[in-house]
PDB file of N, CA and C in Angstrom:
ATOM      1  N   MET A   1      -5.613  -5.028  10.896  1.00  0.00           N
ATOM      2  CA  MET A   1      -4.547  -5.447  10.449  1.00  0.00           C
ATOM      3  C   MET A   1      -5.510  -6.709   9.319  1.00  0.00           C
ATOM      4  N   THR A   2      -4.984  -6.792   7.861  1.00  0.00           N
ATOM      5  CA  THR A   2      -6.212  -7.433   7.188  1.00  0.00           C
ATOM      6  C   THR A   2      -4.975  -8.878   7.149  1.00  0.00           C
ATOM      7  N   THR A   3      -6.659 -10.076   6.754  1.00  0.00           N
ATOM      8  CA  THR A   3      -6.286 -11.019   7.073  1.00  0.00           C
ATOM      9  C   THR A   3      -6.541 -11.744   5.469  1.00  0.00           C
ATOM     10  N   LEU A   4      -5.847 -12.429   5.159  1.00  0.00           N
ATOM     11  CA  LEU A   4      -6.310 -13.127   3.570  1.00  0.00           C
ATOM     12  C   LEU A   4      -5.384 -14.350   3.570  1.00  0.00           C
ATOM     13  N   THR A   5      -6.266 -15.078   3.113  1.00  0.00           N
ATOM     14  CA  THR A   5      -5.760 -16.354   3.125  1.00  0.00           C
ATOM     15  C   THR A   5      -4.986 -17.162   1.807  1.00  0.00           C
ATOM     16  N   ALA A   6      -4.104 -17.672   1.778  1.00  0.00           N
ATOM     17  CA  ALA A   6      -2.768 -17.678   1.441  1.00  0.00           C
ATOM     18  C   ALA A   6      -3.109 -17.836   0.034  1.00  0.00           C
ATOM     19  N   THR A   7      -4.704 -18.771  -0.455  1.00  0.00           N
ATOM     20  CA  THR A   7      -5.067 -18.835  -2.131  1.00  0.00           C
ATOM     21  C   THR A   7      -5.097 -16.996  -2.493  1.00  0.00           C
ATOM     22  N   ASP A   8      -5.561 -16.063  -1.498  1.00  0.00           N
ATOM     23  CA  ASP A   8      -5.879 -15.093  -2.391  1.00  0.00           C
ATOM     24  C   ASP A   8      -4.668 -14.600  -1.916  1.00  0.00           C
ATOM     25  N   ALA A   9      -3.783 -14.837  -1.178  1.00  0.00           N
ATOM     26  CA  ALA A   9      -2.548 -13.690  -1.193  1.00  0.00           C
ATOM     27  C   ALA A   9      -1.608 -14.376  -2.423  1.00  0.00           C
ATOM     28  N   ARG A  10      -1.264 -15.423  -2.845  1.00  0.00           N
ATOM     29  CA  ARG A  10      -1.173 -15.364  -3.987  1.00  0.00           C
ATOM     30  C   ARG A  10      -1.332 -15.494  -5.134  1.00  0.00           C
ATOM     31  N   ARG A  11      -2.351 -14.553  -5.292  1.00  0.00           N
ATOM     32  CA  ARG A  11      -3.469 -13.934  -6.527  1.00  0.00           C
ATOM     33  C   ARG A  11      -3.506 -12.614  -6.436  1.00  0.00           C
ATOM     34  N   LEU A  12      -2.947 -12.054  -4.709  1.00  0.00           N
ATOM     35  CA  LEU A  12      -2.797 -10.594  -4.635  1.00  0.00           C
ATOM     36  C   LEU A  12      -1.301  -9.904  -4.094  1.00  0.00           C
ATOM     37  N   LEU A  13      -0.379 -10.476  -4.624  1.00  0.00           N
ATOM     38  CA  LEU A  13       1.074 -10.564  -4.031  1.00  0.00           C
ATOM     39  C   LEU A  13       1.191  -9.336  -4.513  1.00  0.00           C
ATOM     40  N   PRO A  14       0.947  -8.844  -5.691  1.00  0.00           N
ATOM     41  CA  PRO A  14       1.457  -7.493  -6.134  1.00  0.00           C
ATOM     42  C   PRO A  14       0.974  -6.412  -4.987  1.00  0.00           C
ATOM     43  N   ASP A  15      -0.648  -6.377  -5.058  1.00  0.00           N
ATOM     44  CA  ASP A  15      -0.988  -5.141  -4.213  1.00  0.00           C
ATOM     45  C   ASP A  15      -0.605  -5.574  -2.824  1.00  0.00           C
ATOM     46  N   MET A  16      -0.089  -6.458  -2.716  1.00  0.00           N
ATOM     47  CA  MET A  16      -0.248  -6.637  -0.906  1.00  0.00           C
ATOM     48  C   MET A  16       1.352  -6.073  -1.151  1.00  0.00           C
ATOM     49  N   LEU A  17       2.064  -6.176  -1.812  1.00  0.00           N
ATOM     50  CA  LEU A  17       3.590  -5.746  -1.327  1.00  0.00           C
ATOM     51  C   LEU A  17       3.288  -3.865  -1.898  1.00  0.00           C
ATOM     52  N   ASN A  18       2.726  -3.753  -2.492  1.00  0.00           N
ATOM     53  CA  ASN A  18       2.455  -1.636  -2.521  1.00  0.00           C
ATOM     54  C   ASN A  18       1.731  -1.112  -1.420  1.00  0.00           C
ATOM     55  N   ARG A  19       0.010  -2.608  -0.771  1.00  0.00           N
ATOM     56  CA  ARG A  19      -0.376  -1.436   0.608  1.00  0.00           C
ATOM     57  C   ARG A  19       1.305  -1.650   1.550  1.00  0.00           C
ATOM     58  N   ALA A  20       1.988  -2.326   1.417  1.00  0.00           N
ATOM     59  CA  ALA A  20       2.886  -2.630   3.068  1.00  0.00           C
ATOM     60  C   ALA A  20       3.709  -1.622   2.516  1.00  0.00           C
ATOM     61  N   ALA A  21       4.382  -1.423   1.585  1.00  0.00           N
ATOM     62  CA  ALA A  21       5.327  -0.566   1.309  1.00  0.00           C
ATOM     63  C   ALA A  21       4.544   1.266   1.425  1.00  0.00           C
ATOM     64  N   TYR A  22       3.339   1.029   0.949  1.00  0.00           N
ATOM     65  CA  TYR A  22       3.509   2.527   0.484  1.00  0.00           C
ATOM     66  C   TYR A  22       2.545   2.952   1.766  1.00  0.00           C
ATOM     67  N   ALA A  23       1.077   1.837   1.919  1.00  0.00           N
ATOM     68  CA  ALA A  23       0.239   2.268   2.885  1.00  0.00           C
ATOM     69  C   ALA A  23       0.781   1.721   4.148  1.00  0.00           C
ATOM     70  N   LYS A  24       1.503   0.975   4.348  1.00  0.00           N
ATOM     71  CA  LYS A  24       2.030   0.778   6.015  1.00  0.00           C
ATOM     72  C   LYS A  24       1.239  -0.315   6.696  1.00  0.00           C
ATOM     73  N   GLU A  25       0.651  -0.948   6.060  1.00  0.00           N
ATOM     74  CA  GLU A  25      -0.145  -1.658   5.812  1.00  0.00           C
ATOM     75  C   GLU A  25       0.172  -3.417   6.479  1.00  0.00           C
ATOM     76  N   ARG A  26      -0.032  -4.025   7.338  1.00  0.00           N
ATOM     77  CA  ARG A  26       0.266  -5.266   7.511  1.00  0.00           C
ATOM     78  C   ARG A  26      -0.528  -6.122   7.331  1.00  0.00           C
ATOM     79  N   ILE A  27      -0.168  -7.525   6.617  1.00  0.00           N
ATOM     80  CA  ILE A  27      -1.174  -8.314   6.122  1.00  0.00           C
ATOM     81  C   ILE A  27      -1.512  -9.593   6.079  1.00  0.00           C
ATOM     82  N   ALA A  28      -1.583 -10.257   7.454  1.00  0.00           N
ATOM     83  CA  ALA A  28      -1.669 -11.472   7.892  1.00  0.00           C
ATOM     84  C   ALA A  28      -2.406 -12.856   6.452  1.00  0.00           C
ATOM     85  N   ILE A  29      -1.312 -13.989   6.435  1.00  0.00           N
ATOM     86  CA  ILE A  29      -2.024 -14.517   5.716  1.00  0.00           C
ATOM     87  C   ILE A  29      -2.040 -16.306   6.398  1.00  0.00           C
ATOM     88  N   GLN A  30      -3.067 -16.123   5.867  1.00  0.00           N
ATOM     89  CA  GLN A  30      -3.451 -18.045   6.653  1.00  0.00           C
ATOM     90  C   GLN A  30      -3.900 -18.624   5.883  1.00  0.00           C
ATOM     91  N   ARG A  31      -4.072 -20.054   6.489  1.00  0.00           N
ATOM     92  CA  ARG A  31      -4.708 -21.445   6.080  1.00  0.00           C
ATOM     93  C   ARG A  31      -4.775 -21.922   7.137  1.00  0.00           C
ATOM     94  N   HIS A  32      -6.265 -22.648   6.366  1.00  0.00           N
ATOM     95  CA  HIS A  32      -6.747 -23.359   7.524  1.00  0.00           C
ATOM     96  C   HIS A  32      -6.958 -22.483   8.715  1.00  0.00           C
ATOM     97  N   GLY A  33      -7.582 -21.330   8.356  1.00  0.00           N
ATOM     98  CA  GLY A  33      -8.102 -20.718   9.856  1.00  0.00           C
ATOM     99  C   GLY A  33      -7.067 -20.201  10.524  1.00  0.00           C
ATOM    100  N   LYS A  34      -5.758 -20.220  10.540  1.00  0.00           N
ATOM    101  CA  LYS A  34      -4.323 -20.660  11.595  1.00  0.00           C
ATOM    102  C   LYS A  34      -3.550 -19.305  11.050  1.00  0.00           C
ATOM    103  N   VAL A  35      -3.169 -18.191  10.971  1.00  0.00           N
ATOM    104  CA  VAL A  35      -2.058 -17.142  10.831  1.00  0.00           C
ATOM    105  C   VAL A  35      -1.110 -18.327  10.067  1.00  0.00           C
ATOM    106  N   LEU A  36       0.309 -17.645   9.539  1.00  0.00           N
ATOM    107  CA  LEU A  36       1.448 -18.865   9.132  1.00  0.00           C
ATOM    108  C   LEU A  36       2.671 -17.972   9.180  1.00  0.00           C
ATOM    109  N   ALA A  37       2.238 -16.341   7.939  1.00  0.00           N
ATOM    110  CA  ALA A  37       2.652 -15.258   7.934  1.00  0.00           C
ATOM    111  C   ALA A  37       2.657 -14.056   7.634  1.00  0.00           C
ATOM    112  N   ALA A  38       3.454 -13.565   7.549  1.00  0.00           N
ATOM    113  CA  ALA A  38       2.748 -11.603   7.552  1.00  0.00           C
ATOM    114  C   ALA A  38       3.620 -10.892   6.173  1.00  0.00           C
ATOM    115  N   ILE A  39       3.041 -10.172   5.595  1.00  0.00           N
ATOM    116  CA  ILE A  39       3.114  -9.150   5.118  1.00  0.00           C
ATOM    117  C   ILE A  39       3.533  -7.559   5.834  1.00  0.00           C
ATOM    118  N   VAL A  40       4.630  -6.902   5.814  1.00  0.00           N
ATOM    119  CA  VAL A  40       4.447  -5.944   6.831  1.00  0.00           C
ATOM    120  C   VAL A  40       6.085  -4.749   6.371  1.00  0.00           C
ATOM    121  N   PRO A  41       5.224  -3.627   6.406  1.00  0.00           N
ATOM    122  CA  PRO A  41       6.416  -2.963   6.059  1.00  0.00           C
ATOM    123  C   PRO A  41       7.855  -2.745   6.226  1.00  0.00           C
ATOM    124  N   ALA A  42       8.767  -2.409   5.392  1.00  0.00           N
ATOM    125  CA  ALA A  42      10.016  -3.211   5.768  1.00  0.00           C
ATOM    126  C   ALA A  42      10.665  -2.193   7.200  1.00  0.00           C
ATOM    127  N   GLU A  43      10.076  -0.917   7.404  1.00  0.00           N
ATOM    128  CA  GLU A  43      10.272  -0.453   8.651  1.00  0.00           C
ATOM    129  C   GLU A  43       9.730  -1.228  10.092  1.00  0.00           C
ATOM    130  N   ASP A  44       8.840  -2.124   9.478  1.00  0.00           N
ATOM    131  CA  ASP A  44       8.557  -3.333  10.769  1.00  0.00           C
ATOM    132  C   ASP A  44       9.360  -4.670  10.883  1.00  0.00           C
ATOM    133  N   LEU A  45       9.850  -4.652  10.125  1.00  0.00           N
ATOM    134  CA  LEU A  45      11.316  -5.342   9.673  1.00  0.00           C
ATOM    135  C   LEU A  45      12.165  -4.522  10.506  1.00  0.00           C
ATOM    136  N   LYS A  46      12.855  -4.379  10.022  1.00  0.00           N
ATOM    137  CA  LYS A  46      13.732  -3.287  10.859  1.00  0.00           C
ATOM    138  C   LYS A  46      13.619  -3.247  12.587  1.00  0.00           C
ATOM    139  N   LEU A  47      12.905  -2.494  12.576  1.00  0.00           N
ATOM    140  CA  LEU A  47      12.078  -2.528  13.909  1.00  0.00           C
ATOM    141  C   LEU A  47      12.426  -3.487  15.064  1.00  0.00           C
ATOM    142  N   LEU A  48      11.788  -4.863  13.878  1.00  0.00           N
ATOM    143  CA  LEU A  48      11.859  -6.099  15.125  1.00  0.00           C
ATOM    144  C   LEU A  48      13.593  -7.380  15.413  1.00  0.00           C
ATOM    145  N   GLN A  49      14.103  -6.299  13.683  1.00  0.00           N
ATOM    146  CA  GLN A  49      15.494  -7.120  13.760  1.00  0.00           C
ATOM    147  C   GLN A  49      16.660  -6.188  14.685  1.00  0.00           C
ATOM    148  N   ARG A  50      16.078  -5.084  15.120  1.00  0.00           N
ATOM    149  CA  ARG A  50      16.645  -4.734  15.937  1.00  0.00           C
ATOM    150  C   ARG A  50      16.316  -4.174  17.359  1.00  0.00           C
ATOM    151  N   ILE A  51      15.023  -4.667  17.598  1.00  0.00           N
ATOM    152  CA  ILE A  51      15.145  -5.411  18.793  1.00  0.00           C
ATOM    153  C   ILE A  51      15.551  -6.379  19.384  1.00  0.00           C
ATOM    154  N   GLU A  52      15.558  -7.747  18.452  1.00  0.00           N
ATOM    155  CA  GLU A  52      16.376  -9.309  18.495  1.00  0.00           C
ATOM    156  C   GLU A  52      17.610  -8.912  18.946  1.00  0.00           C
ATOM    157  N   ASP A  53      18.602  -8.195  18.144  1.00  0.00           N
ATOM    158  CA  ASP A  53      19.546  -7.842  18.524  1.00  0.00           C
ATOM    159  C   ASP A  53      20.330  -6.893  19.842  1.00  0.00           C
ATOM    160  N   GLU A  54      18.934  -6.301  20.479  1.00  0.00           N
ATOM    161  CA  GLU A  54      18.952  -5.663  21.506  1.00  0.00           C
ATOM    162  C   GLU A  54      19.191  -7.160  22.192  1.00  0.00           C
ATOM    163  N   GLU A  55      18.415  -7.850  22.427  1.00  0.00           N
ATOM    164  CA  GLU A  55      17.666  -9.270  23.356  1.00  0.00           C
ATOM    165  C   GLU A  55      19.048  -9.999  23.334  1.00  0.00           C
ATOM    166  N   ASP A  56      19.764 -10.599  22.030  1.00  0.00           N
ATOM    167  CA  ASP A  56      20.667 -11.253  22.036  1.00  0.00           C
ATOM    168  C   ASP A  56      22.066 -10.388  22.487  1.00  0.00           C
ATOM    169  N   ILE A  57      22.277  -9.226  22.530  1.00  0.00           N
ATOM    170  CA  ILE A  57      23.323  -8.136  23.238  1.00  0.00           C
ATOM    171  C   ILE A  57      23.315  -8.450  25.291  1.00  0.00           C
ATOM    172  N   ARG A  58      21.492  -8.134  25.289  1.00  0.00           N
ATOM    173  CA  ARG A  58      21.437  -8.923  26.590  1.00  0.00           C
ATOM    174  C   ARG A  58      22.257  -9.763  27.301  1.00  0.00           C
ATOM    175  N   ALA A  59      21.301 -10.837  26.466  1.00  0.00           N
ATOM    176  CA  ALA A  59      21.633 -12.265  26.899  1.00  0.00           C
ATOM    177  C   ALA A  59      23.165 -12.434  26.708  1.00  0.00           C
ATOM    178  N   ALA A  60      23.533 -11.467  25.928  1.00  0.00           N
ATOM    179  CA  ALA A  60      25.464 -11.783  25.928  1.00  0.00           C
ATOM    180  C   ALA A  60      25.879 -11.531  27.434  1.00  0.00           C
ATOM    181  N   LYS A  61      25.675  -9.794  27.713  1.00  0.00           N
ATOM    182  CA  LYS A  61      26.002  -9.180  28.805  1.00  0.00           C
ATOM    183  C   LYS A  61      25.278 -10.132  30.001  1.00  0.00           C
ATOM    184  N   GLU A  62      24.864 -10.673  30.281  1.00  0.00           N
ATOM    185  CA  GLU A  62      23.942 -11.482  30.932  1.00  0.00           C
ATOM    186  C   GLU A  62      24.636 -12.687  31.159  1.00  0.00           C
ATOM    187  N   GLY A  63      25.311 -13.423  30.046  1.00  0.00           N
ATOM    188  CA  GLY A  63      26.250 -14.804  30.181  1.00  0.00           C
ATOM    189  C   GLY A  63      27.876 -13.914  31.058  1.00  0.00           C
ATOM    190  N   ILE A  64      27.857 -13.027  30.453  1.00  0.00           N
ATOM    191  CA  ILE A  64      29.468 -12.841  30.858  1.00  0.00           C
ATOM    192  C   ILE A  64      29.530 -12.808  32.628  1.00  0.00           C
ATOM    193  N   ARG A  65      28.009 -11.794  32.924  1.00  0.00           N
ATOM    194  CA  ARG A  65      27.959 -11.258  34.608  1.00  0.00           C
ATOM    195  C   ARG A  65      28.211 -12.931  34.983  1.00  0.00           C
ATOM    196  N   ASP A  66      27.769 -13.678  34.508  1.00  0.00           N
ATOM    197  CA  ASP A  66      27.716 -15.457  34.806  1.00  0.00           C
ATOM    198  C   ASP A  66      28.730 -15.749  34.982  1.00  0.00           C
ATOM    199  N   TYR A  67      29.236 -15.682  33.831  1.00  0.00           N
ATOM    200  CA  TYR A  67      30.534 -16.348  33.914  1.00  0.00           C
ATOM    201  C   TYR A  67      31.489 -15.169  35.267  1.00  0.00           C
ATOM    202  N   GLU A  68      31.074 -14.146  35.374  1.00  0.00           N
ATOM    203  CA  GLU A  68      32.709 -13.190  36.226  1.00  0.00           C
ATOM    204  C   GLU A  68      32.022 -13.819  37.074  1.00  0.00           C
ATOM    205  N   LYS A  69      30.996 -14.341  37.336  1.00  0.00           N
ATOM    206  CA  LYS A  69      29.885 -14.394  38.500  1.00  0.00           C
ATOM    207  C   LYS A  69      30.701 -15.950  39.564  1.00  0.00           C
ATOM    208  N   HIS A  70      30.307 -16.796  38.264  1.00  0.00           N
ATOM    209  CA  HIS A  70      30.455 -17.592  38.964  1.00  0.00           C
ATOM    210  C   HIS A  70      31.758 -19.106  38.244  1.00  0.00           C
ATOM    211  N   GLY A  71      32.591 -18.425  37.416  1.00  0.00           N
ATOM    212  CA  GLY A  71      33.003 -18.915  36.543  1.00  0.00           C
ATOM    213  C   GLY A  71      32.851 -20.092  35.877  1.00  0.00           C
ATOM    214  N   GLY A  72      33.471 -20.758  35.148  1.00  0.00           N
ATOM    215  CA  GLY A  72      33.024 -21.318  34.119  1.00  0.00           C
ATOM    216  C   GLY A  72      33.765 -23.027  33.698  1.00  0.00           C
ATOM    217  N   ILE A  73      33.492 -23.614  32.948  1.00  0.00           N
ATOM    218  CA  ILE A  73      33.852 -25.081  33.208  1.00  0.00           C
ATOM    219  C   ILE A  73      34.192 -25.203  31.526  1.00  0.00           C
ATOM    220  N   PRO A  74      35.627 -26.152  31.335  1.00  0.00           N
ATOM    221  CA  PRO A  74      35.866 -27.105  29.919  1.00  0.00           C
ATOM    222  C   PRO A  74      34.774 -27.387  29.290  1.00  0.00           C
ATOM    223  N   LEU A  75      34.355 -27.184  28.447  1.00  0.00           N
ATOM    224  CA  LEU A  75      33.410 -27.661  27.112  1.00  0.00           C
ATOM    225  C   LEU A  75      33.607 -28.877  27.439  1.00  0.00           C
ATOM    226  N   GLU A  76      34.033 -29.986  27.511  1.00  0.00           N
ATOM    227  CA  GLU A  76      34.324 -31.339  27.384  1.00  0.00           C
ATOM    228  C   GLU A  76      33.365 -31.791  28.457  1.00  0.00           C
ATOM    229  N   LYS A  77      33.949 -31.287  30.036  1.00  0.00           N
ATOM    230  CA  LYS A  77      33.562 -31.483  31.691  1.00  0.00           C
ATOM    231  C   LYS A  77      31.592 -31.293  31.370  1.00  0.00           C
ATOM    232  N   PHE A  78      31.262 -30.095  30.402  1.00  0.00           N
ATOM    233  CA  PHE A  78      30.179 -29.516  30.231  1.00  0.00           C
ATOM    234  C   PHE A  78      29.053 -30.694  29.510  1.00  0.00           C
ATOM    235  N   ARG A  79      30.218 -31.410  28.569  1.00  0.00           N
ATOM    236  CA  ARG A  79      29.182 -32.461  27.567  1.00  0.00           C
ATOM    237  C   ARG A  79      29.156 -33.529  28.617  1.00  0.00           C
ATOM    238  N   LYS A  80      30.194 -33.927  29.262  1.00  0.00           N
ATOM    239  CA  LYS A  80      29.664 -35.073  30.272  1.00  0.00           C
ATOM    240  C   LYS A  80      28.926 -34.701  30.983  1.00  0.00           C
ATOM    241  N   GLN A  81      28.934 -33.851  32.096  1.00  0.00           N
ATOM    242  CA  GLN A  81      27.544 -33.579  32.844  1.00  0.00           C
ATOM    243  C   GLN A  81      26.459 -33.689  32.075  1.00  0.00           C
ATOM    244  N   ARG A  82      26.476 -33.217  31.094  1.00  0.00           N
ATOM    245  CA  ARG A  82      25.194 -33.608  30.078  1.00  0.00           C
ATOM    246  C   ARG A  82      24.658 -34.527  29.560  1.00  0.00           C
ATOM    247  N   GLY A  83      25.715 -35.641  29.884  1.00  0.00           N
ATOM    248  CA  GLY A  83      25.330 -36.842  28.668  1.00  0.00           C
ATOM    249  C   GLY A  83      25.101 -36.437  27.307  1.00  0.00           C
ATOM    250  N   LEU A  84      26.188 -35.206  26.864  1.00  0.00           N
ATOM    251  CA  LEU A  84      26.393 -35.090  25.351  1.00  0.00           C
ATOM    252  C   LEU A  84      27.579 -36.040  24.488  1.00  0.00           C
TER     253      LEU A  84
END
């Protein structure tokens, strides 16, 4: 993976977009030696979104199973218990 400074990234943005889109290259952008962001091919973004969606579905199913097993409490009671 290529790493560029934020200054270079601003200057080279059109080239970076082409490299990500056509060469499927991932480009990390750093400032003060720390990676802050990345430019990735659209396919990578779609994969990440699909993984996040699958994780959300898994967590929702787990919550439903927990509710079915243990039941629930009214929201106001929950807030009171938590001091919210």
